[in-house]
PDB file of N, CA and C in Angstrom:
ATOM      1  N   MET A   1       7.916 -11.314 -47.640  1.00  0.00           N
ATOM      2  CA  MET A   1       6.895 -11.197 -46.622  1.00  0.00           C
ATOM      3  C   MET A   1       7.318 -11.856 -45.317  1.00  0.00           C
ATOM      4  N   LEU A   2       8.214 -12.824 -45.415  1.00  0.00           N
ATOM      5  CA  LEU A   2       8.667 -13.536 -44.229  1.00  0.00           C
ATOM      6  C   LEU A   2       9.438 -12.633 -43.259  1.00  0.00           C
ATOM      7  N   PRO A   3      10.363 -11.764 -43.749  1.00  0.00           N
ATOM      8  CA  PRO A   3      11.074 -10.903 -42.796  1.00  0.00           C
ATOM      9  C   PRO A   3      10.134  -9.964 -42.036  1.00  0.00           C
ATOM     10  N   LEU A   4       9.080  -9.477 -42.689  1.00  0.00           N
ATOM     11  CA  LEU A   4       8.129  -8.596 -42.017  1.00  0.00           C
ATOM     12  C   LEU A   4       7.418  -9.342 -40.902  1.00  0.00           C
ATOM     13  N   THR A   5       6.996 -10.565 -41.176  1.00  0.00           N
ATOM     14  CA  THR A   5       6.324 -11.363 -40.158  1.00  0.00           C
ATOM     15  C   THR A   5       7.274 -11.662 -39.001  1.00  0.00           C
ATOM     16  N   ALA A   6       8.521 -11.968 -39.309  1.00  0.00           N
ATOM     17  CA  ALA A   6       9.505 -12.242 -38.260  1.00  0.00           C
ATOM     18  C   ALA A   6       9.742 -10.996 -37.415  1.00  0.00           C
ATOM     19  N   GLY A   7       9.768  -9.835 -38.055  1.00  0.00           N
ATOM     20  CA  GLY A   7       9.950  -8.592 -37.316  1.00  0.00           C
ATOM     21  C   GLY A   7       8.784  -8.307 -36.392  1.00  0.00           C
ATOM     22  N   LEU A   8       7.574  -8.547 -36.886  1.00  0.00           N
ATOM     23  CA  LEU A   8       6.399  -8.340 -36.049  1.00  0.00           C
ATOM     24  C   LEU A   8       6.387  -9.311 -34.875  1.00  0.00           C
ATOM     25  N   ARG A   9       6.789 -10.542 -35.145  1.00  0.00           N
ATOM     26  CA  ARG A   9       6.826 -11.532 -34.069  1.00  0.00           C
ATOM     27  C   ARG A   9       7.863 -11.119 -33.021  1.00  0.00           C
ATOM     28  N   SER A  10       9.007 -10.630 -33.471  1.00  0.00           N
ATOM     29  CA  SER A  10      10.054 -10.186 -32.549  1.00  0.00           C
ATOM     30  C   SER A  10       9.571  -8.994 -31.725  1.00  0.00           C
ATOM     31  N   ASP A  11       8.905  -8.057 -32.385  1.00  0.00           N
ATOM     32  CA  ASP A  11       8.361  -6.901 -31.672  1.00  0.00           C
ATOM     33  C   ASP A  11       7.319  -7.339 -30.654  1.00  0.00           C
ATOM     34  N   GLY A  12       6.508  -8.306 -31.043  1.00  0.00           N
ATOM     35  CA  GLY A  12       5.497  -8.813 -30.117  1.00  0.00           C
ATOM     36  C   GLY A  12       6.115  -9.480 -28.901  1.00  0.00           C
ATOM     37  N   LEU A  13       7.213 -10.206 -29.110  1.00  0.00           N
ATOM     38  CA  LEU A  13       7.894 -10.844 -27.982  1.00  0.00           C
ATOM     39  C   LEU A  13       8.500  -9.806 -27.043  1.00  0.00           C
ATOM     40  N   VAL A  14       9.078  -8.764 -27.633  1.00  0.00           N
ATOM     41  CA  VAL A  14       9.663  -7.701 -26.812  1.00  0.00           C
ATOM     42  C   VAL A  14       8.569  -6.991 -26.018  1.00  0.00           C
ATOM     43  N   LEU A  15       7.468  -6.688 -26.688  1.00  0.00           N
ATOM     44  CA  LEU A  15       6.359  -6.028 -26.003  1.00  0.00           C
ATOM     45  C   LEU A  15       5.788  -6.924 -24.906  1.00  0.00           C
ATOM     46  N   GLY A  16       5.650  -8.205 -25.203  1.00  0.00           N
ATOM     47  CA  GLY A  16       5.159  -9.142 -24.193  1.00  0.00           C
ATOM     48  C   GLY A  16       6.088  -9.238 -22.997  1.00  0.00           C
ATOM     49  N   ALA A  17       7.388  -9.242 -23.264  1.00  0.00           N
ATOM     50  CA  ALA A  17       8.355  -9.299 -22.165  1.00  0.00           C
ATOM     51  C   ALA A  17       8.275  -8.045 -21.302  1.00  0.00           C
ATOM     52  N   TRP A  18       8.147  -6.892 -21.950  1.00  0.00           N
ATOM     53  CA  TRP A  18       8.009  -5.647 -21.199  1.00  0.00           C
ATOM     54  C   TRP A  18       6.740  -5.653 -20.367  1.00  0.00           C
ATOM     55  N   CYS A  19       5.665  -6.177 -20.933  1.00  0.00           N
ATOM     56  CA  CYS A  19       4.404  -6.242 -20.183  1.00  0.00           C
ATOM     57  C   CYS A  19       4.524  -7.182 -18.982  1.00  0.00           C
ATOM     58  N   LEU A  20       5.243  -8.288 -19.151  1.00  0.00           N
ATOM     59  CA  LEU A  20       5.458  -9.198 -18.025  1.00  0.00           C
ATOM     60  C   LEU A  20       6.264  -8.523 -16.916  1.00  0.00           C
ATOM     61  N   VAL A  21       7.314  -7.822 -17.302  1.00  0.00           N
ATOM     62  CA  VAL A  21       8.135  -7.119 -16.313  1.00  0.00           C
ATOM     63  C   VAL A  21       7.317  -6.039 -15.613  1.00  0.00           C
ATOM     64  N   LEU A  22       6.564  -5.280 -16.392  1.00  0.00           N
ATOM     65  CA  LEU A  22       5.736  -4.231 -15.810  1.00  0.00           C
ATOM     66  C   LEU A  22       4.670  -4.820 -14.890  1.00  0.00           C
ATOM     67  N   GLY A  23       4.057  -5.924 -15.307  1.00  0.00           N
ATOM     68  CA  GLY A  23       3.054  -6.575 -14.466  1.00  0.00           C
ATOM     69  C   GLY A  23       3.642  -7.083 -13.164  1.00  0.00           C
ATOM     70  N   ALA A  24       4.828  -7.678 -13.235  1.00  0.00           N
ATOM     71  CA  ALA A  24       5.483  -8.162 -12.015  1.00  0.00           C
ATOM     72  C   ALA A  24       5.826  -7.001 -11.089  1.00  0.00           C
ATOM     73  N   TRP A  25       6.310  -5.910 -11.665  1.00  0.00           N
ATOM     74  CA  TRP A  25       6.635  -4.728 -10.865  1.00  0.00           C
ATOM     75  C   TRP A  25       5.386  -4.168 -10.202  1.00  0.00           C
ATOM     76  N   CYS A  26       4.276  -4.137 -10.927  1.00  0.00           N
ATOM     77  CA  CYS A  26       3.018  -3.641 -10.357  1.00  0.00           C
ATOM     78  C   CYS A  26       2.519  -4.553  -9.235  1.00  0.00           C
ATOM     79  N   LEU A  27       2.702  -5.861  -9.391  1.00  0.00           N
ATOM     80  CA  LEU A  27       2.311  -6.782  -8.324  1.00  0.00           C
ATOM     81  C   LEU A  27       3.135  -6.543  -7.063  1.00  0.00           C
ATOM     82  N   VAL A  28       4.433  -6.355  -7.229  1.00  0.00           N
ATOM     83  CA  VAL A  28       5.295  -6.091  -6.076  1.00  0.00           C
ATOM     84  C   VAL A  28       4.915  -4.765  -5.424  1.00  0.00           C
ATOM     85  N   LEU A  29       4.705  -3.749  -6.242  1.00  0.00           N
ATOM     86  CA  LEU A  29       4.317  -2.446  -5.714  1.00  0.00           C
ATOM     87  C   LEU A  29       2.968  -2.523  -5.007  1.00  0.00           C
ATOM     88  N   GLY A  30       2.018  -3.245  -5.595  1.00  0.00           N
ATOM     89  CA  GLY A  30       0.713  -3.407  -4.962  1.00  0.00           C
ATOM     90  C   GLY A  30       0.795  -4.142  -3.638  1.00  0.00           C
ATOM     91  N   ALA A  31       1.620  -5.181  -3.578  1.00  0.00           N
ATOM     92  CA  ALA A  31       1.794  -5.914  -2.322  1.00  0.00           C
ATOM     93  C   ALA A  31       2.428  -5.017  -1.265  1.00  0.00           C
ATOM     94  N   TRP A  32       3.404  -4.226  -1.672  1.00  0.00           N
ATOM     95  CA  TRP A  32       4.050  -3.303  -0.740  1.00  0.00           C
ATOM     96  C   TRP A  32       3.049  -2.277  -0.225  1.00  0.00           C
ATOM     97  N   CYS A  33       2.192  -1.777  -1.116  1.00  0.00           N
ATOM     98  CA  CYS A  33       1.176  -0.808  -0.704  1.00  0.00           C
ATOM     99  C   CYS A  33       0.156  -1.443   0.245  1.00  0.00           C
ATOM    100  N   LEU A  34      -0.180  -2.717   0.011  1.00  0.00           N
ATOM    101  CA  LEU A  34      -1.090  -3.404   0.923  1.00  0.00           C
ATOM    102  C   LEU A  34      -0.473  -3.533   2.309  1.00  0.00           C
ATOM    103  N   VAL A  35       0.801  -3.890   2.364  1.00  0.00           N
ATOM    104  CA  VAL A  35       1.477  -4.019   3.658  1.00  0.00           C
ATOM    105  C   VAL A  35       1.547  -2.661   4.349  1.00  0.00           C
ATOM    106  N   LEU A  36       1.923  -1.638   3.591  1.00  0.00           N
ATOM    107  CA  LEU A  36       2.008  -0.299   4.160  1.00  0.00           C
ATOM    108  C   LEU A  36       0.636   0.188   4.612  1.00  0.00           C
ATOM    109  N   GLY A  37      -0.397  -0.075   3.802  1.00  0.00           N
ATOM    110  CA  GLY A  37      -1.748   0.325   4.175  1.00  0.00           C
ATOM    111  C   GLY A  37      -2.237  -0.384   5.424  1.00  0.00           C
ATOM    112  N   ALA A  38      -1.946  -1.670   5.538  1.00  0.00           N
ATOM    113  CA  ALA A  38      -2.338  -2.419   6.732  1.00  0.00           C
ATOM    114  C   ALA A  38      -1.617  -1.878   7.961  1.00  0.00           C
ATOM    115  N   TRP A  39      -0.341  -1.569   7.802  1.00  0.00           N
ATOM    116  CA  TRP A  39       0.427  -1.007   8.911  1.00  0.00           C
ATOM    117  C   TRP A  39      -0.153   0.338   9.328  1.00  0.00           C
ATOM    118  N   CYS A  40      -0.549   1.155   8.355  1.00  0.00           N
ATOM    119  CA  CYS A  40      -1.142   2.459   8.659  1.00  0.00           C
ATOM    120  C   CYS A  40      -2.498   2.304   9.351  1.00  0.00           C
ATOM    121  N   LEU A  41      -3.279   1.300   8.946  1.00  0.00           N
ATOM    122  CA  LEU A  41      -4.553   1.053   9.614  1.00  0.00           C
ATOM    123  C   LEU A  41      -4.340   0.662  11.071  1.00  0.00           C
ATOM    124  N   VAL A  42      -3.380  -0.208  11.319  1.00  0.00           N
ATOM    125  CA  VAL A  42      -3.086  -0.625  12.694  1.00  0.00           C
ATOM    126  C   VAL A  42      -2.594   0.560  13.516  1.00  0.00           C
ATOM    127  N   LEU A  43      -1.695   1.339  12.943  1.00  0.00           N
ATOM    128  CA  LEU A  43      -1.174   2.508  13.644  1.00  0.00           C
ATOM    129  C   LEU A  43      -2.285   3.522  13.921  1.00  0.00           C
ATOM    130  N   GLY A  44      -3.161   3.737  12.933  1.00  0.00           N
ATOM    131  CA  GLY A  44      -4.270   4.665  13.127  1.00  0.00           C
ATOM    132  C   GLY A  44      -5.231   4.202  14.209  1.00  0.00           C
ATOM    133  N   ALA A  45      -5.538   2.906  14.233  1.00  0.00           N
ATOM    134  CA  ALA A  45      -6.421   2.368  15.270  1.00  0.00           C
ATOM    135  C   ALA A  45      -5.772   2.510  16.645  1.00  0.00           C
ATOM    136  N   TRP A  46      -4.479   2.236  16.711  1.00  0.00           N
ATOM    137  CA  TRP A  46      -3.764   2.366  17.976  1.00  0.00           C
ATOM    138  C   TRP A  46      -3.778   3.817  18.448  1.00  0.00           C
ATOM    139  N   CYS A  47      -3.600   4.757  17.534  1.00  0.00           N
ATOM    140  CA  CYS A  47      -3.629   6.178  17.889  1.00  0.00           C
ATOM    141  C   CYS A  47      -5.022   6.608  18.355  1.00  0.00           C
ATOM    142  N   LEU A  48      -6.060   6.074  17.725  1.00  0.00           N
ATOM    143  CA  LEU A  48      -7.418   6.392  18.169  1.00  0.00           C
ATOM    144  C   LEU A  48      -7.667   5.886  19.585  1.00  0.00           C
ATOM    145  N   VAL A  49      -7.257   4.665  19.858  1.00  0.00           N
ATOM    146  CA  VAL A  49      -7.435   4.102  21.200  1.00  0.00           C
ATOM    147  C   VAL A  49      -6.630   4.899  22.221  1.00  0.00           C
ATOM    148  N   LEU A  50      -5.388   5.202  21.882  1.00  0.00           N
ATOM    149  CA  LEU A  50      -4.552   5.981  22.788  1.00  0.00           C
ATOM    150  C   LEU A  50      -5.134   7.378  23.012  1.00  0.00           C
ATOM    151  N   GLY A  51      -5.630   7.995  21.943  1.00  0.00           N
ATOM    152  CA  GLY A  51      -6.236   9.317  22.074  1.00  0.00           C
ATOM    153  C   GLY A  51      -7.499   9.293  22.918  1.00  0.00           C
ATOM    154  N   ALA A  52      -8.325   8.263  22.742  1.00  0.00           N
ATOM    155  CA  ALA A  52      -9.539   8.139  23.548  1.00  0.00           C
ATOM    156  C   ALA A  52      -9.182   7.915  25.017  1.00  0.00           C
ATOM    157  N   TRP A  53      -8.185   7.075  25.255  1.00  0.00           N
ATOM    158  CA  TRP A  53      -7.759   6.823  26.630  1.00  0.00           C
ATOM    159  C   TRP A  53      -7.209   8.099  27.254  1.00  0.00           C
ATOM    160  N   TRP A  54      -6.395   8.836  26.482  1.00  0.00           N
ATOM    161  CA  TRP A  54      -5.801  10.064  27.002  1.00  0.00           C
ATOM    162  C   TRP A  54      -6.880  11.106  27.287  1.00  0.00           C
ATOM    163  N   ALA A  55      -7.857  11.233  26.392  1.00  0.00           N
ATOM    164  CA  ALA A  55      -8.939  12.194  26.607  1.00  0.00           C
ATOM    165  C   ALA A  55      -9.753  11.811  27.842  1.00  0.00           C
ATOM    166  N   ARG A  56     -10.015  10.533  28.001  1.00  0.00           N
ATOM    167  CA  ARG A  56     -10.773  10.082  29.166  1.00  0.00           C
ATOM    168  C   ARG A  56      -9.976  10.337  30.445  1.00  0.00           C
ATOM    169  N   PHE A  57      -8.690  10.074  30.392  1.00  0.00           N
ATOM    170  CA  PHE A  57      -7.838  10.281  31.562  1.00  0.00           C
ATOM    171  C   PHE A  57      -7.768  11.762  31.928  1.00  0.00           C
ATOM    172  N   THR A  58      -7.535  12.622  30.939  1.00  0.00           N
ATOM    173  CA  THR A  58      -7.389  14.052  31.231  1.00  0.00           C
ATOM    174  C   THR A  58      -8.726  14.677  31.584  1.00  0.00           C
ATOM    175  N   CYS A  59      -9.787  14.318  30.886  1.00  0.00           N
ATOM    176  CA  CYS A  59     -11.103  14.882  31.196  1.00  0.00           C
ATOM    177  C   CYS A  59     -11.607  14.352  32.530  1.00  0.00           C
ATOM    178  N   GLY A  60     -11.356  13.087  32.802  1.00  0.00           N
ATOM    179  CA  GLY A  60     -11.794  12.506  34.075  1.00  0.00           C
ATOM    180  C   GLY A  60     -11.097  13.169  35.248  1.00  0.00           C
ATOM    181  N   SER A  61      -9.794  13.415  35.127  1.00  0.00           N
ATOM    182  CA  SER A  61      -9.068  14.048  36.222  1.00  0.00           C
ATOM    183  C   SER A  61      -9.458  15.520  36.338  1.00  0.00           C
ATOM    184  N   ALA A  62      -9.787  16.160  35.240  1.00  0.00           N
ATOM    185  CA  ALA A  62     -10.199  17.564  35.290  1.00  0.00           C
ATOM    186  C   ALA A  62     -11.579  17.691  35.925  1.00  0.00           C
ATOM    187  N   LEU A  63     -12.475  16.755  35.649  1.00  0.00           N
ATOM    188  CA  LEU A  63     -13.821  16.811  36.207  1.00  0.00           C
ATOM    189  C   LEU A  63     -13.836  16.457  37.688  1.00  0.00           C
ATOM    190  N   SER A  64     -12.974  15.558  38.110  1.00  0.00           N
ATOM    191  CA  SER A  64     -12.961  15.148  39.514  1.00  0.00           C
ATOM    192  C   SER A  64     -12.211  16.148  40.387  1.00  0.00           C
ATOM    193  N   GLY A  65     -11.451  17.026  39.784  1.00  0.00           N
ATOM    194  CA  GLY A  65     -10.736  18.043  40.532  1.00  0.00           C
ATOM    195  C   GLY A  65      -9.362  17.614  40.992  1.00  0.00           C
ATOM    196  N   SER A  66      -8.973  16.368  40.737  1.00  0.00           N
ATOM    197  CA  SER A  66      -7.642  15.923  41.143  1.00  0.00           C
ATOM    198  C   SER A  66      -6.626  16.323  40.073  1.00  0.00           C
ATOM    199  N   PRO A  67      -5.404  16.576  40.478  1.00  0.00           N
ATOM    200  CA  PRO A  67      -4.390  17.008  39.499  1.00  0.00           C
ATOM    201  C   PRO A  67      -3.974  15.915  38.551  1.00  0.00           C
TER     202      PRO A  67
END
């Protein structure tokens, strides 16, 4: 009965190690996604501001009649 218990313990250690590696990889991937998402939010906000400014500039010049 002892070899069976030792085998189960060994399998459990291997599974635990794999779970630790997978968890660490998921943490790194999640952090990378957070950084990328934050960068995309900043870029999107900047594009909205630039687009609003451009629309105001082009519409304002079109309404006033100046080129």
